[in-house]
Amino acid sequence: MADLNTMRAGRVGAGTLRVDAGLKAHMNKVYGLMSVAMLITALSAWAIAGLAVGPDGAPTALGQAIYFSPLKWVIMFAPLAVVFGFGAMINRMSAATAQLVFYVYAVLMGLSLSSIFLVFTGVSIAQTFLVTAIAFAGLSLYGYTTKRDLSAMGSFLIMGLIGLIVASIVNIFLASSAVAFAISAIGVLIFAGLTAFDTQRIKVEYLQHAQMGDGEWLAKSAIMGALNLYLDFLNLFMFLLQFMGNRE
């Protein structure tokens, strides 16, 4: 009996080690995809901003088109439409196609965010990015290691996010600085919470499906997880930039 128990314990221990190794590889893939997308967005935004302004500081034809023509509204809302469409259609895509769409989306976000290089100083952008990276790392680590179930908090945060999107759209037309300040403050709190929540959700989803051996599902799950954390980081950065950024 002792030998049988030892064998069972050995099998359980080996299974746990396999799951732990798989989870580590899965999370590394999530963070890797997210980091590549973030780099694509940063380089795209920087390059587009450089092309949008001439040597004399005046907007080029490209700058006039993307910042001052009606096209700016398409650029502003296109990422929101694409991310909802991507989430709805990912089950019909292959993992390779989903990854390509994710990177194309990162370029589109770079176009949408390129104006920050014209509004804020480069030093303040870099400083805010560093603060965001440190905060994101801590929040994501908490979400990964905590034993507390964050699902209830996640439902509350999602409702808050919907309200935040509506308020942001309304304030485009109101142009109220007080409302903008409140949106930025609430946005920092919401995306700080979503960073921890999404990290835990990615971990839990992997543990629930790891035994099924569905490699295609796990690959697409890593891409969606990377997209969620990418959006958490990007929005946290943008809201912090409203407080920390020095304007040109």
C-alpha atoms as a PDB file:
ATOM      1  CA  MET A   1       0.000   0.000   0.000  1.00  0.00           C
ATOM      2  CA  ALA A   2       2.832   2.352   0.839  1.00  0.00           C
ATOM      3  CA  ASP A   3       4.397   1.706  -2.560  1.00  0.00           C
ATOM      4  CA  LEU A   4       1.075   2.344  -4.322  1.00  0.00           C
ATOM      5  CA  ASN A   5       0.603   5.637  -2.462  1.00  0.00           C
ATOM      6  CA  THR A   6       4.144   6.628  -3.342  1.00  0.00           C
ATOM      7  CA  MET A   7       3.476   5.913  -7.030  1.00  0.00           C
ATOM      8  CA  ARG A   8       0.248   7.932  -6.929  1.00  0.00           C
ATOM      9  CA  ALA A   9       1.993  10.819  -5.237  1.00  0.00           C
ATOM     10  CA  GLY A  10       4.724  10.646  -7.843  1.00  0.00           C
ATOM     11  CA  ARG A  11       2.199  10.815 -10.683  1.00  0.00           C
ATOM     12  CA  VAL A  12       0.388  13.742  -9.053  1.00  0.00           C
ATOM     13  CA  GLY A  13       3.689  15.510  -8.465  1.00  0.00           C
ATOM     14  CA  ALA A  14       4.768  14.979 -12.071  1.00  0.00           C
ATOM     15  CA  GLY A  15       1.422  16.255 -13.331  1.00  0.00           C
ATOM     16  CA  THR A  16       1.695  19.346 -11.170  1.00  0.00           C
ATOM     17  CA  LEU A  17       5.189  20.021 -12.447  1.00  0.00           C
ATOM     18  CA  ARG A  18       3.979  19.725 -16.045  1.00  0.00           C
ATOM     19  CA  VAL A  19       1.124  22.146 -15.394  1.00  0.00           C
ATOM     20  CA  ASP A  20       3.437  24.603 -13.628  1.00  0.00           C
ATOM     21  CA  ALA A  21       5.937  24.460 -16.487  1.00  0.00           C
ATOM     22  CA  GLY A  22       3.144  24.889 -19.018  1.00  0.00           C
ATOM     23  CA  LEU A  23       1.692  27.837 -17.108  1.00  0.00           C
ATOM     24  CA  LYS A  24       5.094  29.508 -16.969  1.00  0.00           C
ATOM     25  CA  ALA A  25       5.548  29.034 -20.720  1.00  0.00           C
ATOM     26  CA  HIS A  26       2.018  30.308 -21.367  1.00  0.00           C
ATOM     27  CA  MET A  27       2.510  33.457 -19.292  1.00  0.00           C
ATOM     28  CA  ASN A  28       5.898  34.083 -20.918  1.00  0.00           C
ATOM     29  CA  LYS A  29       4.188  33.899 -24.311  1.00  0.00           C
ATOM     30  CA  VAL A  30       1.472  36.309 -23.162  1.00  0.00           C
ATOM     31  CA  TYR A  31       3.988  38.859 -21.913  1.00  0.00           C
ATOM     32  CA  GLY A  32       6.165  38.343 -24.995  1.00  0.00           C
ATOM     33  CA  LEU A  33       3.288  39.014 -27.407  1.00  0.00           C
ATOM     34  CA  MET A  34       2.237  42.022 -25.366  1.00  0.00           C
ATOM     35  CA  SER A  35       5.779  43.442 -25.347  1.00  0.00           C
ATOM     36  CA  VAL A  36       6.169  43.064 -29.121  1.00  0.00           C
ATOM     37  CA  ALA A  37       2.805  44.777 -29.702  1.00  0.00           C
ATOM     38  CA  MET A  38       3.792  47.583 -27.326  1.00  0.00           C
ATOM     39  CA  LEU A  39       7.068  48.087 -29.201  1.00  0.00           C
ATOM     40  CA  ILE A  40       5.216  48.163 -32.539  1.00  0.00           C
ATOM     41  CA  THR A  41       2.801  50.770 -31.185  1.00  0.00           C
ATOM     42  CA  ALA A  42       5.584  52.951 -29.777  1.00  0.00           C
ATOM     43  CA  LEU A  43       7.645  52.870 -32.979  1.00  0.00           C
ATOM     44  CA  SER A  44       4.578  53.463 -35.158  1.00  0.00           C
ATOM     45  CA  ALA A  45       3.457  56.435 -33.051  1.00  0.00           C
ATOM     46  CA  TRP A  46       6.937  57.958 -33.046  1.00  0.00           C
ATOM     47  CA  ALA A  47       7.420  57.473 -36.806  1.00  0.00           C
ATOM     48  CA  ILE A  48       3.991  58.845 -37.735  1.00  0.00           C
ATOM     49  CA  ALA A  49       4.448  61.868 -35.471  1.00  0.00           C
ATOM     50  CA  GLY A  50       7.766  62.578 -37.196  1.00  0.00           C
ATOM     51  CA  LEU A  51       6.139  62.422 -40.624  1.00  0.00           C
ATOM     52  CA  ALA A  52       3.203  64.571 -39.533  1.00  0.00           C
ATOM     53  CA  VAL A  53       5.300  67.656 -38.782  1.00  0.00           C
ATOM     54  CA  GLY A  54       7.760  69.343 -41.110  1.00  0.00           C
ATOM     55  CA  PRO A  55      11.186  70.808 -40.220  1.00  0.00           C
ATOM     56  CA  ASP A  56       9.554  74.194 -39.652  1.00  0.00           C
ATOM     57  CA  GLY A  57       7.146  72.747 -37.092  1.00  0.00           C
ATOM     58  CA  ALA A  58       4.124  73.117 -39.350  1.00  0.00           C
ATOM     59  CA  PRO A  59       1.889  70.114 -40.078  1.00  0.00           C
ATOM     60  CA  THR A  60       2.645  68.245 -43.286  1.00  0.00           C
ATOM     61  CA  ALA A  61      -0.104  67.002 -45.605  1.00  0.00           C
ATOM     62  CA  LEU A  62      -0.169  63.800 -43.539  1.00  0.00           C
ATOM     63  CA  GLY A  63      -0.456  65.801 -40.317  1.00  0.00           C
ATOM     64  CA  GLN A  64      -3.295  67.874 -41.728  1.00  0.00           C
ATOM     65  CA  ALA A  65      -5.121  64.713 -42.765  1.00  0.00           C
ATOM     66  CA  ILE A  66      -4.804  62.700 -39.553  1.00  0.00           C
ATOM     67  CA  TYR A  67      -5.053  65.512 -36.991  1.00  0.00           C
ATOM     68  CA  PHE A  68      -7.240  68.222 -38.516  1.00  0.00           C
ATOM     69  CA  SER A  69      -9.498  66.625 -41.133  1.00  0.00           C
ATOM     70  CA  PRO A  70     -12.628  64.499 -40.472  1.00  0.00           C
ATOM     71  CA  LEU A  71     -10.320  61.493 -40.848  1.00  0.00           C
ATOM     72  CA  LYS A  72      -9.219  62.111 -37.259  1.00  0.00           C
ATOM     73  CA  TRP A  73     -12.576  60.759 -36.015  1.00  0.00           C
ATOM     74  CA  VAL A  74     -12.096  57.541 -37.963  1.00  0.00           C
ATOM     75  CA  ILE A  75      -8.587  57.175 -36.529  1.00  0.00           C
ATOM     76  CA  MET A  76      -9.868  57.881 -33.028  1.00  0.00           C
ATOM     77  CA  PHE A  77     -12.685  55.317 -33.013  1.00  0.00           C
ATOM     78  CA  ALA A  78     -11.256  52.676 -35.366  1.00  0.00           C
ATOM     79  CA  PRO A  79      -9.198  50.895 -32.651  1.00  0.00           C
ATOM     80  CA  LEU A  80     -12.309  50.511 -30.492  1.00  0.00           C
ATOM     81  CA  ALA A  81     -14.268  48.999 -33.376  1.00  0.00           C
ATOM     82  CA  VAL A  82     -11.387  46.704 -34.357  1.00  0.00           C
ATOM     83  CA  VAL A  83     -10.842  45.340 -30.855  1.00  0.00           C
ATOM     84  CA  PHE A  84     -14.526  44.443 -30.461  1.00  0.00           C
ATOM     85  CA  GLY A  85     -14.547  42.819 -33.893  1.00  0.00           C
ATOM     86  CA  PHE A  86     -11.338  40.940 -33.132  1.00  0.00           C
ATOM     87  CA  GLY A  87     -12.786  39.544 -29.907  1.00  0.00           C
ATOM     88  CA  ALA A  88     -15.935  38.403 -31.725  1.00  0.00           C
ATOM     89  CA  MET A  89     -14.129  36.735 -34.634  1.00  0.00           C
ATOM     90  CA  ILE A  90     -11.031  35.203 -33.041  1.00  0.00           C
ATOM     91  CA  ASN A  91     -12.652  31.760 -32.729  1.00  0.00           C
ATOM     92  CA  ARG A  92     -12.949  31.653 -36.528  1.00  0.00           C
ATOM     93  CA  MET A  93      -9.291  32.592 -37.059  1.00  0.00           C
ATOM     94  CA  SER A  94      -6.200  30.468 -36.900  1.00  0.00           C
ATOM     95  CA  ALA A  95      -3.714  31.340 -34.180  1.00  0.00           C
ATOM     96  CA  ALA A  96      -1.275  32.696 -36.801  1.00  0.00           C
ATOM     97  CA  THR A  97      -3.952  34.955 -38.315  1.00  0.00           C
ATOM     98  CA  ALA A  98      -5.031  36.175 -34.865  1.00  0.00           C
ATOM     99  CA  GLN A  99      -1.440  37.078 -34.024  1.00  0.00           C
ATOM    100  CA  LEU A 100      -1.056  38.986 -37.301  1.00  0.00           C
ATOM    101  CA  VAL A 101      -4.305  40.896 -36.667  1.00  0.00           C
ATOM    102  CA  PHE A 102      -3.065  41.729 -33.171  1.00  0.00           C
ATOM    103  CA  TYR A 103       0.108  43.273 -34.575  1.00  0.00           C
ATOM    104  CA  VAL A 104      -1.828  45.185 -37.254  1.00  0.00           C
ATOM    105  CA  TYR A 105      -4.028  46.501 -34.452  1.00  0.00           C
ATOM    106  CA  ALA A 106      -0.879  47.630 -32.618  1.00  0.00           C
ATOM    107  CA  VAL A 107       0.104  49.692 -35.676  1.00  0.00           C
ATOM    108  CA  LEU A 108      -3.383  51.216 -35.793  1.00  0.00           C
ATOM    109  CA  MET A 109      -3.059  52.144 -32.119  1.00  0.00           C
ATOM    110  CA  GLY A 110       0.284  53.773 -32.898  1.00  0.00           C
ATOM    111  CA  LEU A 111      -1.439  55.936 -35.501  1.00  0.00           C
ATOM    112  CA  SER A 112      -4.174  56.836 -33.031  1.00  0.00           C
ATOM    113  CA  LEU A 113      -1.707  57.759 -30.279  1.00  0.00           C
ATOM    114  CA  SER A 114       0.931  59.491 -32.407  1.00  0.00           C
ATOM    115  CA  SER A 115      -0.287  62.943 -31.366  1.00  0.00           C
ATOM    116  CA  ILE A 116       1.145  62.492 -27.858  1.00  0.00           C
ATOM    117  CA  PHE A 117       4.617  63.156 -29.307  1.00  0.00           C
ATOM    118  CA  LEU A 118       3.359  66.516 -30.508  1.00  0.00           C
ATOM    119  CA  VAL A 119       1.544  67.422 -27.285  1.00  0.00           C
ATOM    120  CA  PHE A 120       3.919  66.191 -24.560  1.00  0.00           C
ATOM    121  CA  THR A 121       7.684  66.407 -24.171  1.00  0.00           C
ATOM    122  CA  GLY A 122       9.709  63.303 -24.939  1.00  0.00           C
ATOM    123  CA  VAL A 123      11.196  63.262 -21.426  1.00  0.00           C
ATOM    124  CA  SER A 124       7.795  63.275 -19.728  1.00  0.00           C
ATOM    125  CA  ILE A 125       6.550  60.514 -22.061  1.00  0.00           C
ATOM    126  CA  ALA A 126       9.575  58.376 -21.172  1.00  0.00           C
ATOM    127  CA  GLN A 127       9.166  59.056 -17.442  1.00  0.00           C
ATOM    128  CA  THR A 128       5.469  58.203 -17.533  1.00  0.00           C
ATOM    129  CA  PHE A 129       6.198  55.016 -19.470  1.00  0.00           C
ATOM    130  CA  LEU A 130       8.729  53.954 -16.831  1.00  0.00           C
ATOM    131  CA  VAL A 131       6.278  54.638 -13.976  1.00  0.00           C
ATOM    132  CA  THR A 132       3.565  52.737 -15.853  1.00  0.00           C
ATOM    133  CA  ALA A 133       5.888  49.769 -16.433  1.00  0.00           C
ATOM    134  CA  ILE A 134       6.780  49.568 -12.738  1.00  0.00           C
ATOM    135  CA  ALA A 135       3.148  49.873 -11.634  1.00  0.00           C
ATOM    136  CA  PHE A 136       2.009  47.345 -14.250  1.00  0.00           C
ATOM    137  CA  ALA A 137       4.648  44.820 -13.176  1.00  0.00           C
ATOM    138  CA  GLY A 138       3.596  45.084  -9.533  1.00  0.00           C
ATOM    139  CA  LEU A 139      -0.119  44.854 -10.275  1.00  0.00           C
ATOM    140  CA  SER A 140       0.305  41.931 -12.657  1.00  0.00           C
ATOM    141  CA  LEU A 141       2.495  40.108 -10.142  1.00  0.00           C
ATOM    142  CA  TYR A 142      -0.211  40.608  -7.515  1.00  0.00           C
ATOM    143  CA  GLY A 143      -2.851  39.217  -9.846  1.00  0.00           C
ATOM    144  CA  TYR A 144      -0.688  36.183 -10.593  1.00  0.00           C
ATOM    145  CA  THR A 145       0.248  35.348  -7.006  1.00  0.00           C
ATOM    146  CA  THR A 146      -2.789  36.348  -4.939  1.00  0.00           C
ATOM    147  CA  LYS A 147      -5.054  33.626  -3.542  1.00  0.00           C
ATOM    148  CA  ARG A 148      -7.972  36.039  -3.462  1.00  0.00           C
ATOM    149  CA  ASP A 149     -10.648  35.548  -6.117  1.00  0.00           C
ATOM    150  CA  LEU A 150     -10.774  38.772  -8.134  1.00  0.00           C
ATOM    151  CA  SER A 151     -13.739  37.789 -10.337  1.00  0.00           C
ATOM    152  CA  ALA A 152     -16.247  39.881  -8.332  1.00  0.00           C
ATOM    153  CA  MET A 153     -13.959  42.897  -8.568  1.00  0.00           C
ATOM    154  CA  GLY A 154     -13.625  42.236 -12.297  1.00  0.00           C
ATOM    155  CA  SER A 155     -17.368  42.532 -12.883  1.00  0.00           C
ATOM    156  CA  PHE A 156     -17.409  45.864 -11.075  1.00  0.00           C
ATOM    157  CA  LEU A 157     -14.408  47.109 -13.074  1.00  0.00           C
ATOM    158  CA  ILE A 158     -15.969  46.127 -16.406  1.00  0.00           C
ATOM    159  CA  MET A 159     -19.093  48.132 -15.559  1.00  0.00           C
ATOM    160  CA  GLY A 160     -16.878  51.055 -14.561  1.00  0.00           C
ATOM    161  CA  LEU A 161     -14.992  50.744 -17.844  1.00  0.00           C
ATOM    162  CA  ILE A 162     -18.215  50.974 -19.859  1.00  0.00           C
ATOM    163  CA  GLY A 163     -19.170  54.109 -17.942  1.00  0.00           C
ATOM    164  CA  LEU A 164     -15.693  55.526 -18.519  1.00  0.00           C
ATOM    165  CA  ILE A 165     -15.929  54.988 -22.287  1.00  0.00           C
ATOM    166  CA  VAL A 166     -19.318  56.705 -22.418  1.00  0.00           C
ATOM    167  CA  ALA A 167     -18.061  59.635 -20.307  1.00  0.00           C
ATOM    168  CA  SER A 168     -14.970  60.001 -22.505  1.00  0.00           C
ATOM    169  CA  ILE A 169     -17.057  60.125 -25.682  1.00  0.00           C
ATOM    170  CA  VAL A 170     -19.419  62.692 -24.169  1.00  0.00           C
ATOM    171  CA  ASN A 171     -16.508  64.840 -23.005  1.00  0.00           C
ATOM    172  CA  ILE A 172     -15.129  64.991 -26.537  1.00  0.00           C
ATOM    173  CA  PHE A 173     -18.013  67.348 -27.240  1.00  0.00           C
ATOM    174  CA  LEU A 174     -18.182  68.990 -23.788  1.00  0.00           C
ATOM    175  CA  ALA A 175     -14.424  69.611 -23.600  1.00  0.00           C
ATOM    176  CA  SER A 176     -14.642  70.055 -19.816  1.00  0.00           C
ATOM    177  CA  SER A 177     -11.270  70.071 -18.046  1.00  0.00           C
ATOM    178  CA  ALA A 178     -12.908  69.075 -14.732  1.00  0.00           C
ATOM    179  CA  VAL A 179     -14.589  66.078 -16.346  1.00  0.00           C
ATOM    180  CA  ALA A 180     -11.341  65.169 -18.107  1.00  0.00           C
ATOM    181  CA  PHE A 181      -9.483  65.234 -14.777  1.00  0.00           C
ATOM    182  CA  ALA A 182     -12.112  63.012 -13.145  1.00  0.00           C
ATOM    183  CA  ILE A 183     -12.012  60.589 -16.082  1.00  0.00           C
ATOM    184  CA  SER A 184      -8.226  60.352 -15.851  1.00  0.00           C
ATOM    185  CA  ALA A 185      -8.278  59.711 -12.094  1.00  0.00           C
ATOM    186  CA  ILE A 186     -10.981  57.057 -12.358  1.00  0.00           C
ATOM    187  CA  GLY A 187      -9.271  55.568 -15.407  1.00  0.00           C
ATOM    188  CA  VAL A 188      -6.030  55.010 -13.498  1.00  0.00           C
ATOM    189  CA  LEU A 189      -7.916  53.141 -10.759  1.00  0.00           C
ATOM    190  CA  ILE A 190      -9.963  51.046 -13.192  1.00  0.00           C
ATOM    191  CA  PHE A 191      -7.022  49.929 -15.307  1.00  0.00           C
ATOM    192  CA  ALA A 192      -4.861  49.290 -12.266  1.00  0.00           C
ATOM    193  CA  GLY A 193      -7.553  46.898 -11.048  1.00  0.00           C
ATOM    194  CA  LEU A 194      -8.044  45.369 -14.505  1.00  0.00           C
ATOM    195  CA  THR A 195      -4.326  44.614 -14.751  1.00  0.00           C
ATOM    196  CA  ALA A 196      -4.497  42.399 -11.661  1.00  0.00           C
ATOM    197  CA  PHE A 197      -7.868  40.927 -12.668  1.00  0.00           C
ATOM    198  CA  ASP A 198      -6.838  40.083 -16.237  1.00  0.00           C
ATOM    199  CA  THR A 199      -3.582  38.496 -15.091  1.00  0.00           C
ATOM    200  CA  GLN A 200      -5.439  36.213 -12.684  1.00  0.00           C
ATOM    201  CA  ARG A 201      -8.043  35.380 -15.356  1.00  0.00           C
ATOM    202  CA  ILE A 202      -5.345  34.381 -17.850  1.00  0.00           C
ATOM    203  CA  LYS A 203      -3.801  32.098 -15.238  1.00  0.00           C
ATOM    204  CA  VAL A 204      -7.129  30.538 -14.230  1.00  0.00           C
ATOM    205  CA  GLU A 205      -8.197  29.945 -17.836  1.00  0.00           C
ATOM    206  CA  TYR A 206      -4.932  28.171 -18.557  1.00  0.00           C
ATOM    207  CA  LEU A 207      -5.259  25.930 -15.507  1.00  0.00           C
ATOM    208  CA  GLN A 208      -8.833  25.040 -16.509  1.00  0.00           C
ATOM    209  CA  HIS A 209      -7.842  24.038 -20.050  1.00  0.00           C
ATOM    210  CA  ALA A 210      -4.280  22.775 -19.611  1.00  0.00           C
ATOM    211  CA  GLN A 211      -5.355  19.138 -19.263  1.00  0.00           C
ATOM    212  CA  MET A 212      -7.381  19.197 -22.498  1.00  0.00           C
ATOM    213  CA  GLY A 213      -4.330  19.448 -24.710  1.00  0.00           C
ATOM    214  CA  ASP A 214      -5.967  21.926 -27.093  1.00  0.00           C
ATOM    215  CA  GLY A 215      -2.882  23.667 -28.456  1.00  0.00           C
ATOM    216  CA  GLU A 216      -4.814  25.881 -30.882  1.00  0.00           C
ATOM    217  CA  TRP A 217      -7.095  27.154 -28.115  1.00  0.00           C
ATOM    218  CA  LEU A 218      -4.147  27.826 -25.816  1.00  0.00           C
ATOM    219  CA  ALA A 219      -2.326  29.731 -28.568  1.00  0.00           C
ATOM    220  CA  LYS A 220      -5.331  31.969 -29.212  1.00  0.00           C
ATOM    221  CA  SER A 221      -5.893  32.311 -25.467  1.00  0.00           C
ATOM    222  CA  ALA A 222      -2.337  33.653 -25.137  1.00  0.00           C
ATOM    223  CA  ILE A 223      -3.025  36.199 -27.887  1.00  0.00           C
ATOM    224  CA  MET A 224      -6.257  37.386 -26.265  1.00  0.00           C
ATOM    225  CA  GLY A 225      -4.530  37.536 -22.896  1.00  0.00           C
ATOM    226  CA  ALA A 226      -1.733  39.602 -24.414  1.00  0.00           C
ATOM    227  CA  LEU A 227      -4.303  41.919 -26.020  1.00  0.00           C
ATOM    228  CA  ASN A 228      -6.075  42.466 -22.695  1.00  0.00           C
ATOM    229  CA  LEU A 229      -2.850  43.235 -20.828  1.00  0.00           C
ATOM    230  CA  TYR A 230      -1.652  45.414 -23.719  1.00  0.00           C
ATOM    231  CA  LEU A 231      -4.822  47.498 -23.455  1.00  0.00           C
ATOM    232  CA  ASP A 232      -4.520  47.657 -19.664  1.00  0.00           C
ATOM    233  CA  PHE A 233      -0.941  48.933 -19.931  1.00  0.00           C
ATOM    234  CA  LEU A 234      -1.693  51.386 -22.722  1.00  0.00           C
ATOM    235  CA  ASN A 235      -4.716  52.906 -21.022  1.00  0.00           C
ATOM    236  CA  LEU A 236      -2.929  53.110 -17.671  1.00  0.00           C
ATOM    237  CA  PHE A 237      -0.073  54.913 -19.447  1.00  0.00           C
ATOM    238  CA  MET A 238      -2.397  57.356 -21.222  1.00  0.00           C
ATOM    239  CA  PHE A 239      -4.304  58.265 -18.060  1.00  0.00           C
ATOM    240  CA  LEU A 240      -1.091  58.706 -16.064  1.00  0.00           C
ATOM    241  CA  LEU A 241       0.274  60.882 -18.859  1.00  0.00           C
ATOM    242  CA  GLN A 242      -2.547  63.368 -18.223  1.00  0.00           C
ATOM    243  CA  PHE A 243      -1.117  63.866 -14.722  1.00  0.00           C
ATOM    244  CA  MET A 244       2.623  63.455 -15.318  1.00  0.00           C
ATOM    245  CA  GLY A 245       3.085  64.733 -18.859  1.00  0.00           C
ATOM    246  CA  ASN A 246       4.675  68.121 -19.518  1.00  0.00           C
ATOM    247  CA  ARG A 247       3.098  69.770 -22.542  1.00  0.00           C
ATOM    248  CA  GLU A 248       5.121  71.167 -25.424  1.00  0.00           C
END
